[in-house]
Amino acid sequence: MSNLPIHDIPLFLQELNSTKLLLFIVGLLLFWILFFSLLIQLLPKKYKPYKKEIFIFMVIINMGLLFMGMVLTLAMFLFGLAWASHRMSRPTYQILQLEAYVVDEFPMVTSQFSEGILAIDSHPNRDISTEEKIKALRILYESNVQDNIGKIKLFLSDSSDETRLYAFSLISSFEKRLNDEVKNFHKKIKTASNQHDLEMYHLHLAQSYWQFIFHGVANVQLTRFYTDKIEQTLQHIDHSSKASLLLGKIHLFNKEYEKAEAMFLQAVEQGTPKKHIDTYLAEIRYSQKAYNEIAQFMEKAFVIDLRLKPLYHIWKKA
C-alpha cells in the first residue's frame, strides 16, 4: 500500500467489494469489544457499578469515530477539489474614492434633528421583551432629544417590575442631576465677583430650568412654573443673543407666537445666525396657519437635504 502510486488508488478502492468492507467493520468492532473488555477491568472502584454503561459508550463512540472520519475525509476531499479547480467564490473588491462621487447635486446627508434616534409610542406595554425595553430606555436616557424623559415616564406603568424600576431610576437620576445644576448655579450667583460672571451664571441657570421642560421632566402643572422662573432669571441679563433665543423658545412653548418671533429676530440682531432661527419661524407660521409663508424659511436650510426636499416642495406649493 505504501508503494501504491496515487493514480492507482481509485482502482484499489474499486477492488474492495462490500463483503471485504463488512468484514473490516466486524473485525474492528470485535477489536474494540476485546480491547474495552480488558480495559474496563482497570476502572476505579467507584466506577465499577457503571462499567456496563461505560463499556457500551466507549465501543459506540469509537465505532462512530470511524464513520465520522469517513464523512470528514469526503468533505475535505470535495473542499480540496473545489479549491484546486477555483470553484470556490473568490470575490475581488474595488476601492472607490467617495470624494469623486460627492457633488453639489448629491451632497452628503447628516441628521439635523436626531429624528432617527428612537420612536416609542404611548403603548409601553406592547409585546416586547423586558431586555429590549430596558435597552430602549437606556438609549432614550442618553439621547439629547425633546421629551425623552417624558417617554420614559410612560414605562412607569409597565407590566414588568424590572422595567418600572429601571424607568424610575433613570427619571430620578436625570431629575437629581438637573436639581444639582440649579443649586450649583444659585451658589455661584451669590458668590459672583463681577457683572459678566453674574450674567453668565443667570443664563446657565435659565438653561437648566429649560431642561426640565425640554426633556419632559416637569409635568403639565409645573411647566408654567419653570417658564416663569426662566423669564425672571433672564431679566438679569442685559444683552445676550442666547438669552433672547431662550426667551423665544419659552414664548413659543407657551404659544405666544408674536412674542416668540420678536425674541428670535432680536437674537439675530444680537448676533445669532439667521439660519438658526428659520425652523422656529417656520413652526410659528405653521401654528398660525400661514402655510404659504413656510417655504421661505425652509429654502436654504432644507433644499440640500434630499430626505426633506419633498417636504420643501409641498410647502412651496402651499
C-alpha atoms as a PDB file:
ATOM      1  CA  MET A   1       0.000   0.000   0.000  1.00  0.00           C
ATOM      2  CA  SER A   2       2.905   2.358   0.783  1.00  0.00           C
ATOM      3  CA  ASN A   3       4.334   1.814  -2.729  1.00  0.00           C
ATOM      4  CA  LEU A   4       0.936   2.155  -4.428  1.00  0.00           C
ATOM      5  CA  PRO A   5       1.001   5.042  -6.942  1.00  0.00           C
ATOM      6  CA  ILE A   6      -1.549   7.782  -6.367  1.00  0.00           C
ATOM      7  CA  HIS A   7      -3.249   7.230  -9.730  1.00  0.00           C
ATOM      8  CA  ASP A   8      -3.845   3.564  -8.800  1.00  0.00           C
ATOM      9  CA  ILE A   9      -5.751   4.400  -5.566  1.00  0.00           C
ATOM     10  CA  PRO A  10      -9.200   4.563  -7.313  1.00  0.00           C
ATOM     11  CA  LEU A  11      -8.539   1.096  -8.836  1.00  0.00           C
ATOM     12  CA  PHE A  12      -7.620  -0.254  -5.408  1.00  0.00           C
ATOM     13  CA  LEU A  13     -10.830   1.141  -3.890  1.00  0.00           C
ATOM     14  CA  GLN A  14     -12.899  -0.432  -6.657  1.00  0.00           C
ATOM     15  CA  GLU A  15     -11.478  -3.865  -5.769  1.00  0.00           C
ATOM     16  CA  LEU A  16     -12.832  -3.531  -2.205  1.00  0.00           C
ATOM     17  CA  ASN A  17     -16.253  -5.142  -2.502  1.00  0.00           C
ATOM     18  CA  SER A  18     -18.982  -4.931   0.134  1.00  0.00           C
ATOM     19  CA  THR A  19     -18.012  -8.264   1.714  1.00  0.00           C
ATOM     20  CA  LYS A  20     -14.495  -7.121   2.494  1.00  0.00           C
ATOM     21  CA  LEU A  21     -15.792  -3.840   3.834  1.00  0.00           C
ATOM     22  CA  LEU A  22     -18.285  -5.648   6.081  1.00  0.00           C
ATOM     23  CA  LEU A  23     -15.546  -7.969   7.354  1.00  0.00           C
ATOM     24  CA  PHE A  24     -13.383  -4.947   8.101  1.00  0.00           C
ATOM     25  CA  ILE A  25     -16.139  -3.283  10.158  1.00  0.00           C
ATOM     26  CA  VAL A  26     -16.934  -6.511  12.031  1.00  0.00           C
ATOM     27  CA  GLY A  27     -13.241  -7.048  12.748  1.00  0.00           C
ATOM     28  CA  LEU A  28     -12.904  -3.513  14.019  1.00  0.00           C
ATOM     29  CA  LEU A  29     -15.973  -3.972  16.228  1.00  0.00           C
ATOM     30  CA  LEU A  30     -14.558  -7.181  17.723  1.00  0.00           C
ATOM     31  CA  PHE A  31     -11.265  -5.437  18.329  1.00  0.00           C
ATOM     32  CA  TRP A  32     -12.903  -2.600  20.297  1.00  0.00           C
ATOM     33  CA  ILE A  33     -15.059  -5.070  22.249  1.00  0.00           C
ATOM     34  CA  LEU A  34     -11.998  -7.082  23.238  1.00  0.00           C
ATOM     35  CA  PHE A  35      -9.942  -4.000  23.981  1.00  0.00           C
ATOM     36  CA  PHE A  36     -12.501  -2.370  26.264  1.00  0.00           C
ATOM     37  CA  SER A  37     -13.365  -5.691  27.912  1.00  0.00           C
ATOM     38  CA  LEU A  38      -9.791  -5.724  29.184  1.00  0.00           C
ATOM     39  CA  LEU A  39      -9.583  -2.003  29.855  1.00  0.00           C
ATOM     40  CA  ILE A  40     -12.841  -1.920  31.815  1.00  0.00           C
ATOM     41  CA  GLN A  41     -11.286  -4.095  34.468  1.00  0.00           C
ATOM     42  CA  LEU A  42      -8.880  -1.303  35.386  1.00  0.00           C
ATOM     43  CA  LEU A  43     -11.657   1.122  36.346  1.00  0.00           C
ATOM     44  CA  PRO A  44     -11.555   2.575  39.888  1.00  0.00           C
ATOM     45  CA  LYS A  45     -13.955   1.028  42.388  1.00  0.00           C
ATOM     46  CA  LYS A  46     -16.353   3.976  42.410  1.00  0.00           C
ATOM     47  CA  TYR A  47     -16.998   3.414  38.680  1.00  0.00           C
ATOM     48  CA  LYS A  48     -17.481  -0.377  38.908  1.00  0.00           C
ATOM     49  CA  PRO A  49     -21.313  -0.162  39.189  1.00  0.00           C
ATOM     50  CA  TYR A  50     -21.379   1.673  35.862  1.00  0.00           C
ATOM     51  CA  LYS A  51     -18.868  -0.435  33.930  1.00  0.00           C
ATOM     52  CA  LYS A  52     -21.556  -1.833  31.616  1.00  0.00           C
ATOM     53  CA  GLU A  53     -22.700   1.643  30.564  1.00  0.00           C
ATOM     54  CA  ILE A  54     -19.112   2.824  30.185  1.00  0.00           C
ATOM     55  CA  PHE A  55     -18.232  -0.211  28.077  1.00  0.00           C
ATOM     56  CA  ILE A  56     -21.170   0.311  25.684  1.00  0.00           C
ATOM     57  CA  PHE A  57     -20.450   4.036  25.414  1.00  0.00           C
ATOM     58  CA  MET A  58     -16.758   3.548  24.565  1.00  0.00           C
ATOM     59  CA  VAL A  59     -17.464   0.912  21.931  1.00  0.00           C
ATOM     60  CA  ILE A  60     -20.159   3.021  20.247  1.00  0.00           C
ATOM     61  CA  ILE A  61     -18.119   6.228  20.304  1.00  0.00           C
ATOM     62  CA  ASN A  62     -15.073   4.586  18.749  1.00  0.00           C
ATOM     63  CA  MET A  63     -17.123   2.924  16.044  1.00  0.00           C
ATOM     64  CA  GLY A  64     -18.840   6.229  15.411  1.00  0.00           C
ATOM     65  CA  LEU A  65     -15.483   7.964  15.009  1.00  0.00           C
ATOM     66  CA  LEU A  66     -14.753   5.609  12.125  1.00  0.00           C
ATOM     67  CA  PHE A  67     -17.774   6.773  10.151  1.00  0.00           C
ATOM     68  CA  MET A  68     -17.295  10.396  11.194  1.00  0.00           C
ATOM     69  CA  GLY A  69     -13.776  10.184   9.881  1.00  0.00           C
ATOM     70  CA  MET A  70     -15.079   8.908   6.551  1.00  0.00           C
ATOM     71  CA  VAL A  71     -17.563  11.783   6.289  1.00  0.00           C
ATOM     72  CA  LEU A  72     -14.954  14.399   7.211  1.00  0.00           C
ATOM     73  CA  THR A  73     -12.480  12.897   4.777  1.00  0.00           C
ATOM     74  CA  LEU A  74     -15.061  13.094   1.991  1.00  0.00           C
ATOM     75  CA  ALA A  75     -15.880  16.715   2.896  1.00  0.00           C
ATOM     76  CA  MET A  76     -12.193  17.675   2.911  1.00  0.00           C
ATOM     77  CA  PHE A  77     -11.721  15.866  -0.395  1.00  0.00           C
ATOM     78  CA  LEU A  78     -14.555  17.826  -2.027  1.00  0.00           C
ATOM     79  CA  PHE A  79     -13.279  21.068  -0.488  1.00  0.00           C
ATOM     80  CA  GLY A  80      -9.815  20.387  -1.896  1.00  0.00           C
ATOM     81  CA  LEU A  81     -11.251  19.738  -5.337  1.00  0.00           C
ATOM     82  CA  ALA A  82     -13.245  22.963  -5.249  1.00  0.00           C
ATOM     83  CA  TRP A  83     -10.249  24.974  -4.093  1.00  0.00           C
ATOM     84  CA  ALA A  84      -7.897  23.416  -6.635  1.00  0.00           C
ATOM     85  CA  SER A  85     -10.324  23.936  -9.507  1.00  0.00           C
ATOM     86  CA  HIS A  86     -11.186  27.541  -8.432  1.00  0.00           C
ATOM     87  CA  ARG A  87     -14.848  26.644  -7.942  1.00  0.00           C
ATOM     88  CA  MET A  88     -14.908  28.492  -4.642  1.00  0.00           C
ATOM     89  CA  SER A  89     -16.119  32.071  -4.687  1.00  0.00           C
ATOM     90  CA  ARG A  90     -13.167  34.427  -4.573  1.00  0.00           C
ATOM     91  CA  PRO A  91     -14.670  37.934  -4.833  1.00  0.00           C
ATOM     92  CA  THR A  92     -12.452  40.825  -5.729  1.00  0.00           C
ATOM     93  CA  TYR A  93     -13.129  44.243  -4.280  1.00  0.00           C
ATOM     94  CA  GLN A  94     -12.577  47.562  -5.928  1.00  0.00           C
ATOM     95  CA  ILE A  95     -11.713  50.563  -3.805  1.00  0.00           C
ATOM     96  CA  LEU A  96     -13.864  53.589  -4.592  1.00  0.00           C
ATOM     97  CA  GLN A  97     -12.882  57.142  -3.818  1.00  0.00           C
ATOM     98  CA  LEU A  98     -16.147  58.576  -2.477  1.00  0.00           C
ATOM     99  CA  GLU A  99     -14.969  62.139  -2.934  1.00  0.00           C
ATOM    100  CA  ALA A 100     -15.232  61.681  -6.692  1.00  0.00           C
ATOM    101  CA  TYR A 101     -18.930  60.842  -6.418  1.00  0.00           C
ATOM    102  CA  VAL A 102     -19.960  63.528  -3.933  1.00  0.00           C
ATOM    103  CA  VAL A 103     -21.014  66.550  -5.942  1.00  0.00           C
ATOM    104  CA  ASP A 104     -23.251  69.523  -5.299  1.00  0.00           C
ATOM    105  CA  GLU A 105     -26.229  67.762  -6.831  1.00  0.00           C
ATOM    106  CA  PHE A 106     -25.910  64.857  -4.389  1.00  0.00           C
ATOM    107  CA  PRO A 107     -24.454  66.142  -1.102  1.00  0.00           C
ATOM    108  CA  MET A 108     -23.573  64.117   1.953  1.00  0.00           C
ATOM    109  CA  VAL A 109     -26.594  63.998   4.283  1.00  0.00           C
ATOM    110  CA  THR A 110     -26.340  64.231   8.054  1.00  0.00           C
ATOM    111  CA  SER A 111     -29.022  64.251  10.717  1.00  0.00           C
ATOM    112  CA  GLN A 112     -30.008  67.696  11.975  1.00  0.00           C
ATOM    113  CA  PHE A 113     -32.794  66.841  14.398  1.00  0.00           C
ATOM    114  CA  SER A 114     -31.908  63.358  15.765  1.00  0.00           C
ATOM    115  CA  GLU A 115     -35.057  62.222  14.006  1.00  0.00           C
ATOM    116  CA  GLY A 116     -33.963  58.600  13.868  1.00  0.00           C
ATOM    117  CA  ILE A 117     -32.970  58.163  17.500  1.00  0.00           C
ATOM    118  CA  LEU A 118     -35.923  56.092  18.701  1.00  0.00           C
ATOM    119  CA  ALA A 119     -39.701  56.129  18.401  1.00  0.00           C
ATOM    120  CA  ILE A 120     -41.715  54.962  21.380  1.00  0.00           C
ATOM    121  CA  ASP A 121     -45.446  55.428  21.193  1.00  0.00           C
ATOM    122  CA  SER A 122     -47.980  55.685  24.008  1.00  0.00           C
ATOM    123  CA  HIS A 123     -48.282  51.914  24.416  1.00  0.00           C
ATOM    124  CA  PRO A 124     -45.287  50.854  26.547  1.00  0.00           C
ATOM    125  CA  ASN A 125     -46.968  47.550  27.420  1.00  0.00           C
ATOM    126  CA  ARG A 126     -46.740  46.228  23.883  1.00  0.00           C
ATOM    127  CA  ASP A 127     -45.435  42.714  23.432  1.00  0.00           C
ATOM    128  CA  ILE A 128     -41.664  43.152  23.557  1.00  0.00           C
ATOM    129  CA  SER A 129     -39.201  41.601  25.956  1.00  0.00           C
ATOM    130  CA  THR A 130     -38.059  43.313  29.144  1.00  0.00           C
ATOM    131  CA  GLU A 131     -34.481  43.284  27.867  1.00  0.00           C
ATOM    132  CA  GLU A 132     -35.481  45.206  24.740  1.00  0.00           C
ATOM    133  CA  LYS A 133     -37.489  47.707  26.786  1.00  0.00           C
ATOM    134  CA  ILE A 134     -34.526  48.353  29.083  1.00  0.00           C
ATOM    135  CA  LYS A 135     -32.224  48.791  26.105  1.00  0.00           C
ATOM    136  CA  ALA A 136     -34.672  51.279  24.580  1.00  0.00           C
ATOM    137  CA  LEU A 137     -34.912  53.178  27.864  1.00  0.00           C
ATOM    138  CA  ARG A 138     -31.138  53.450  28.046  1.00  0.00           C
ATOM    139  CA  ILE A 139     -30.967  54.839  24.508  1.00  0.00           C
ATOM    140  CA  LEU A 140     -33.679  57.365  25.347  1.00  0.00           C
ATOM    141  CA  TYR A 141     -31.908  58.422  28.541  1.00  0.00           C
ATOM    142  CA  GLU A 142     -28.610  59.027  26.762  1.00  0.00           C
ATOM    143  CA  SER A 143     -30.180  60.861  23.815  1.00  0.00           C
ATOM    144  CA  ASN A 144     -30.415  64.636  23.982  1.00  0.00           C
ATOM    145  CA  VAL A 145     -33.812  64.839  22.291  1.00  0.00           C
ATOM    146  CA  GLN A 146     -37.021  66.564  23.280  1.00  0.00           C
ATOM    147  CA  ASP A 147     -39.315  64.788  25.753  1.00  0.00           C
ATOM    148  CA  ASN A 148     -37.045  61.745  26.130  1.00  0.00           C
ATOM    149  CA  ILE A 149     -37.714  61.632  29.898  1.00  0.00           C
ATOM    150  CA  GLY A 150     -41.415  62.123  29.217  1.00  0.00           C
ATOM    151  CA  LYS A 151     -41.357  58.964  27.088  1.00  0.00           C
ATOM    152  CA  ILE A 152     -39.525  57.091  29.838  1.00  0.00           C
ATOM    153  CA  LYS A 153     -42.313  58.077  32.262  1.00  0.00           C
ATOM    154  CA  LEU A 154     -44.726  56.017  30.141  1.00  0.00           C
ATOM    155  CA  PHE A 155     -42.924  52.892  31.336  1.00  0.00           C
ATOM    156  CA  LEU A 156     -43.727  53.577  34.989  1.00  0.00           C
ATOM    157  CA  SER A 157     -46.971  51.692  34.337  1.00  0.00           C
ATOM    158  CA  ASP A 158     -45.300  48.800  32.510  1.00  0.00           C
ATOM    159  CA  SER A 159     -46.333  45.248  33.371  1.00  0.00           C
ATOM    160  CA  SER A 160     -42.721  44.296  34.174  1.00  0.00           C
ATOM    161  CA  ASP A 161     -41.435  45.135  37.672  1.00  0.00           C
ATOM    162  CA  GLU A 162     -37.881  45.307  36.347  1.00  0.00           C
ATOM    163  CA  THR A 163     -38.836  47.770  33.603  1.00  0.00           C
ATOM    164  CA  ARG A 164     -40.772  50.010  36.020  1.00  0.00           C
ATOM    165  CA  LEU A 165     -37.881  50.058  38.486  1.00  0.00           C
ATOM    166  CA  TYR A 166     -35.334  50.853  35.767  1.00  0.00           C
ATOM    167  CA  ALA A 167     -37.515  53.651  34.349  1.00  0.00           C
ATOM    168  CA  PHE A 168     -37.951  55.144  37.828  1.00  0.00           C
ATOM    169  CA  SER A 169     -34.195  55.048  38.480  1.00  0.00           C
ATOM    170  CA  LEU A 170     -33.445  56.815  35.166  1.00  0.00           C
ATOM    171  CA  ILE A 171     -36.024  59.538  35.831  1.00  0.00           C
ATOM    172  CA  SER A 172     -34.747  60.060  39.395  1.00  0.00           C
ATOM    173  CA  SER A 173     -31.144  60.209  38.208  1.00  0.00           C
ATOM    174  CA  PHE A 174     -31.910  62.757  35.488  1.00  0.00           C
ATOM    175  CA  GLU A 175     -34.026  64.939  37.774  1.00  0.00           C
ATOM    176  CA  LYS A 176     -31.365  64.830  40.508  1.00  0.00           C
ATOM    177  CA  ARG A 177     -28.706  65.936  38.027  1.00  0.00           C
ATOM    178  CA  LEU A 178     -30.809  68.925  36.947  1.00  0.00           C
ATOM    179  CA  ASN A 179     -31.603  69.884  40.549  1.00  0.00           C
ATOM    180  CA  ASP A 180     -27.898  69.711  41.410  1.00  0.00           C
ATOM    181  CA  GLU A 181     -27.148  72.022  38.474  1.00  0.00           C
ATOM    182  CA  VAL A 182     -29.763  74.528  39.672  1.00  0.00           C
ATOM    183  CA  LYS A 183     -28.371  74.511  43.234  1.00  0.00           C
ATOM    184  CA  ASN A 184     -24.825  74.888  41.925  1.00  0.00           C
ATOM    185  CA  PHE A 185     -25.666  77.938  39.795  1.00  0.00           C
ATOM    186  CA  HIS A 186     -27.611  79.529  42.655  1.00  0.00           C
ATOM    187  CA  LYS A 187     -24.472  79.255  44.801  1.00  0.00           C
ATOM    188  CA  LYS A 188     -22.316  80.736  42.032  1.00  0.00           C
ATOM    189  CA  ILE A 189     -24.733  83.645  41.589  1.00  0.00           C
ATOM    190  CA  LYS A 190     -24.410  84.523  45.275  1.00  0.00           C
ATOM    191  CA  THR A 191     -20.608  84.490  45.093  1.00  0.00           C
ATOM    192  CA  ALA A 192     -20.151  86.116  41.646  1.00  0.00           C
ATOM    193  CA  SER A 193     -17.402  88.733  41.732  1.00  0.00           C
ATOM    194  CA  ASN A 194     -18.302  90.714  38.596  1.00  0.00           C
ATOM    195  CA  GLN A 195     -21.239  91.515  36.316  1.00  0.00           C
ATOM    196  CA  HIS A 196     -20.023  89.307  33.459  1.00  0.00           C
ATOM    197  CA  ASP A 197     -19.888  86.186  35.624  1.00  0.00           C
ATOM    198  CA  LEU A 198     -23.226  87.074  37.217  1.00  0.00           C
ATOM    199  CA  GLU A 199     -24.958  87.249  33.821  1.00  0.00           C
ATOM    200  CA  MET A 200     -23.285  84.042  32.670  1.00  0.00           C
ATOM    201  CA  TYR A 201     -24.496  82.151  35.767  1.00  0.00           C
ATOM    202  CA  HIS A 202     -28.021  83.507  35.317  1.00  0.00           C
ATOM    203  CA  LEU A 203     -28.011  82.294  31.711  1.00  0.00           C
ATOM    204  CA  HIS A 204     -26.823  78.827  32.734  1.00  0.00           C
ATOM    205  CA  LEU A 205     -29.465  78.736  35.464  1.00  0.00           C
ATOM    206  CA  ALA A 206     -32.203  79.611  32.971  1.00  0.00           C
ATOM    207  CA  GLN A 207     -30.929  76.925  30.582  1.00  0.00           C
ATOM    208  CA  SER A 208     -31.061  74.379  33.407  1.00  0.00           C
ATOM    209  CA  TYR A 209     -34.681  75.346  34.097  1.00  0.00           C
ATOM    210  CA  TRP A 210     -35.401  74.906  30.392  1.00  0.00           C
ATOM    211  CA  GLN A 211     -34.080  71.343  30.517  1.00  0.00           C
ATOM    212  CA  PHE A 212     -36.926  70.434  32.892  1.00  0.00           C
ATOM    213  CA  ILE A 213     -39.396  71.403  30.179  1.00  0.00           C
ATOM    214  CA  PHE A 214     -37.467  70.301  27.098  1.00  0.00           C
ATOM    215  CA  HIS A 215     -36.812  66.757  28.337  1.00  0.00           C
ATOM    216  CA  GLY A 216     -40.280  66.302  29.816  1.00  0.00           C
ATOM    217  CA  VAL A 217     -39.179  66.113  33.452  1.00  0.00           C
ATOM    218  CA  ALA A 218     -41.760  68.679  34.529  1.00  0.00           C
ATOM    219  CA  ASN A 219     -45.407  67.694  34.278  1.00  0.00           C
ATOM    220  CA  VAL A 220     -48.122  69.910  32.805  1.00  0.00           C
ATOM    221  CA  GLN A 221     -48.790  71.633  36.129  1.00  0.00           C
ATOM    222  CA  LEU A 222     -45.121  72.578  36.621  1.00  0.00           C
ATOM    223  CA  THR A 223     -44.255  73.799  33.127  1.00  0.00           C
ATOM    224  CA  ARG A 224     -45.722  77.242  33.726  1.00  0.00           C
ATOM    225  CA  PHE A 225     -43.735  77.487  36.973  1.00  0.00           C
ATOM    226  CA  TYR A 226     -40.480  76.809  35.112  1.00  0.00           C
ATOM    227  CA  THR A 227     -41.263  79.181  32.235  1.00  0.00           C
ATOM    228  CA  ASP A 228     -41.903  81.944  34.777  1.00  0.00           C
ATOM    229  CA  LYS A 229     -38.628  81.103  36.555  1.00  0.00           C
ATOM    230  CA  ILE A 230     -36.765  81.306  33.235  1.00  0.00           C
ATOM    231  CA  GLU A 231     -38.238  84.717  32.391  1.00  0.00           C
ATOM    232  CA  GLN A 232     -37.412  86.029  35.872  1.00  0.00           C
ATOM    233  CA  THR A 233     -33.850  84.710  35.644  1.00  0.00           C
ATOM    234  CA  LEU A 234     -33.207  86.173  32.183  1.00  0.00           C
ATOM    235  CA  GLN A 235     -34.268  89.625  33.367  1.00  0.00           C
ATOM    236  CA  HIS A 236     -30.831  89.895  34.994  1.00  0.00           C
ATOM    237  CA  ILE A 237     -29.153  89.747  31.570  1.00  0.00           C
ATOM    238  CA  ASP A 238     -28.933  92.981  29.557  1.00  0.00           C
ATOM    239  CA  HIS A 239     -27.642  91.930  26.140  1.00  0.00           C
ATOM    240  CA  SER A 240     -27.301  88.304  25.053  1.00  0.00           C
ATOM    241  CA  SER A 241     -28.342  86.536  21.875  1.00  0.00           C
ATOM    242  CA  LYS A 242     -28.535  83.234  23.783  1.00  0.00           C
ATOM    243  CA  ALA A 243     -30.895  84.774  26.324  1.00  0.00           C
ATOM    244  CA  SER A 244     -33.131  86.164  23.548  1.00  0.00           C
ATOM    245  CA  LEU A 245     -33.133  82.802  21.783  1.00  0.00           C
ATOM    246  CA  LEU A 246     -34.150  81.023  25.000  1.00  0.00           C
ATOM    247  CA  LEU A 247     -36.904  83.573  25.632  1.00  0.00           C
ATOM    248  CA  GLY A 248     -38.170  82.921  22.122  1.00  0.00           C
ATOM    249  CA  LYS A 249     -38.356  79.189  22.860  1.00  0.00           C
ATOM    250  CA  ILE A 250     -40.286  79.893  26.066  1.00  0.00           C
ATOM    251  CA  HIS A 251     -42.825  82.088  24.287  1.00  0.00           C
ATOM    252  CA  LEU A 252     -43.156  79.521  21.507  1.00  0.00           C
ATOM    253  CA  PHE A 253     -43.754  76.800  24.100  1.00  0.00           C
ATOM    254  CA  ASN A 254     -46.459  78.962  25.692  1.00  0.00           C
ATOM    255  CA  LYS A 255     -47.981  79.579  22.206  1.00  0.00           C
ATOM    256  CA  GLU A 256     -47.240  83.280  22.407  1.00  0.00           C
ATOM    257  CA  TYR A 257     -46.209  83.434  18.786  1.00  0.00           C
ATOM    258  CA  GLU A 258     -45.829  87.190  18.317  1.00  0.00           C
ATOM    259  CA  LYS A 259     -43.577  87.477  21.389  1.00  0.00           C
ATOM    260  CA  ALA A 260     -41.606  84.430  20.270  1.00  0.00           C
ATOM    261  CA  GLU A 261     -40.959  85.853  16.802  1.00  0.00           C
ATOM    262  CA  ALA A 262     -39.881  89.177  18.286  1.00  0.00           C
ATOM    263  CA  MET A 263     -37.344  87.428  20.547  1.00  0.00           C
ATOM    264  CA  PHE A 264     -35.980  85.303  17.708  1.00  0.00           C
ATOM    265  CA  LEU A 265     -35.498  88.357  15.500  1.00  0.00           C
ATOM    266  CA  GLN A 266     -33.863  90.163  18.441  1.00  0.00           C
ATOM    267  CA  ALA A 267     -31.449  87.237  18.796  1.00  0.00           C
ATOM    268  CA  VAL A 268     -30.473  87.686  15.123  1.00  0.00           C
ATOM    269  CA  GLU A 269     -29.831  91.379  15.711  1.00  0.00           C
ATOM    270  CA  GLN A 270     -27.606  90.402  18.640  1.00  0.00           C
ATOM    271  CA  GLY A 271     -25.506  88.026  16.544  1.00  0.00           C
ATOM    272  CA  THR A 272     -27.349  84.722  16.144  1.00  0.00           C
ATOM    273  CA  PRO A 273     -27.078  83.438  12.532  1.00  0.00           C
ATOM    274  CA  LYS A 274     -30.402  83.739  10.688  1.00  0.00           C
ATOM    275  CA  LYS A 275     -30.375  80.056   9.700  1.00  0.00           C
ATOM    276  CA  HIS A 276     -30.525  79.059  13.391  1.00  0.00           C
ATOM    277  CA  ILE A 277     -33.999  80.547  13.824  1.00  0.00           C
ATOM    278  CA  ASP A 278     -35.549  79.539  10.483  1.00  0.00           C
ATOM    279  CA  THR A 279     -37.008  76.324  11.877  1.00  0.00           C
ATOM    280  CA  TYR A 280     -38.605  78.219  14.759  1.00  0.00           C
ATOM    281  CA  LEU A 281     -40.087  80.815  12.418  1.00  0.00           C
ATOM    282  CA  ALA A 282     -41.407  78.042  10.186  1.00  0.00           C
ATOM    283  CA  GLU A 283     -43.041  76.447  13.240  1.00  0.00           C
ATOM    284  CA  ILE A 284     -44.615  79.776  14.170  1.00  0.00           C
ATOM    285  CA  ARG A 285     -46.057  80.225  10.665  1.00  0.00           C
ATOM    286  CA  TYR A 286     -47.413  76.679  10.765  1.00  0.00           C
ATOM    287  CA  SER A 287     -49.065  77.270  14.136  1.00  0.00           C
ATOM    288  CA  GLN A 288     -50.559  80.497  12.773  1.00  0.00           C
ATOM    289  CA  LYS A 289     -51.834  78.536   9.733  1.00  0.00           C
ATOM    290  CA  ALA A 290     -49.840  80.803   7.421  1.00  0.00           C
ATOM    291  CA  TYR A 291     -48.851  77.821   5.313  1.00  0.00           C
ATOM    292  CA  ASN A 292     -47.918  79.846   2.227  1.00  0.00           C
ATOM    293  CA  GLU A 293     -45.086  81.520   4.169  1.00  0.00           C
ATOM    294  CA  ILE A 294     -43.422  78.356   5.445  1.00  0.00           C
ATOM    295  CA  ALA A 295     -41.323  77.629   2.351  1.00  0.00           C
ATOM    296  CA  GLN A 296     -39.298  80.862   2.665  1.00  0.00           C
ATOM    297  CA  PHE A 297     -37.760  79.588   5.915  1.00  0.00           C
ATOM    298  CA  MET A 298     -37.001  76.150   4.501  1.00  0.00           C
ATOM    299  CA  GLU A 299     -35.491  77.004   1.141  1.00  0.00           C
ATOM    300  CA  LYS A 300     -31.864  77.441   2.162  1.00  0.00           C
ATOM    301  CA  ALA A 301     -31.812  75.102   5.128  1.00  0.00           C
ATOM    302  CA  PHE A 302     -33.587  72.083   3.664  1.00  0.00           C
ATOM    303  CA  VAL A 303     -33.294  72.012  -0.094  1.00  0.00           C
ATOM    304  CA  ILE A 304     -29.865  70.352   0.129  1.00  0.00           C
ATOM    305  CA  ASP A 305     -31.186  67.579   2.381  1.00  0.00           C
ATOM    306  CA  LEU A 306     -32.583  65.010  -0.046  1.00  0.00           C
ATOM    307  CA  ARG A 307     -34.785  63.438   2.625  1.00  0.00           C
ATOM    308  CA  LEU A 308     -36.551  66.739   3.340  1.00  0.00           C
ATOM    309  CA  LYS A 309     -36.612  68.061  -0.218  1.00  0.00           C
ATOM    310  CA  PRO A 310     -40.115  66.607  -0.926  1.00  0.00           C
ATOM    311  CA  LEU A 311     -41.392  68.327   2.231  1.00  0.00           C
ATOM    312  CA  TYR A 312     -39.946  71.617   0.996  1.00  0.00           C
ATOM    313  CA  HIS A 313     -41.706  71.271  -2.348  1.00  0.00           C
ATOM    314  CA  ILE A 314     -45.021  70.545  -0.628  1.00  0.00           C
ATOM    315  CA  TRP A 315     -44.863  73.781   1.400  1.00  0.00           C
ATOM    316  CA  LYS A 316     -43.526  75.698  -1.574  1.00  0.00           C
ATOM    317  CA  LYS A 317     -46.725  74.934  -3.482  1.00  0.00           C
ATOM    318  CA  ALA A 318     -48.976  75.705  -0.499  1.00  0.00           C
END
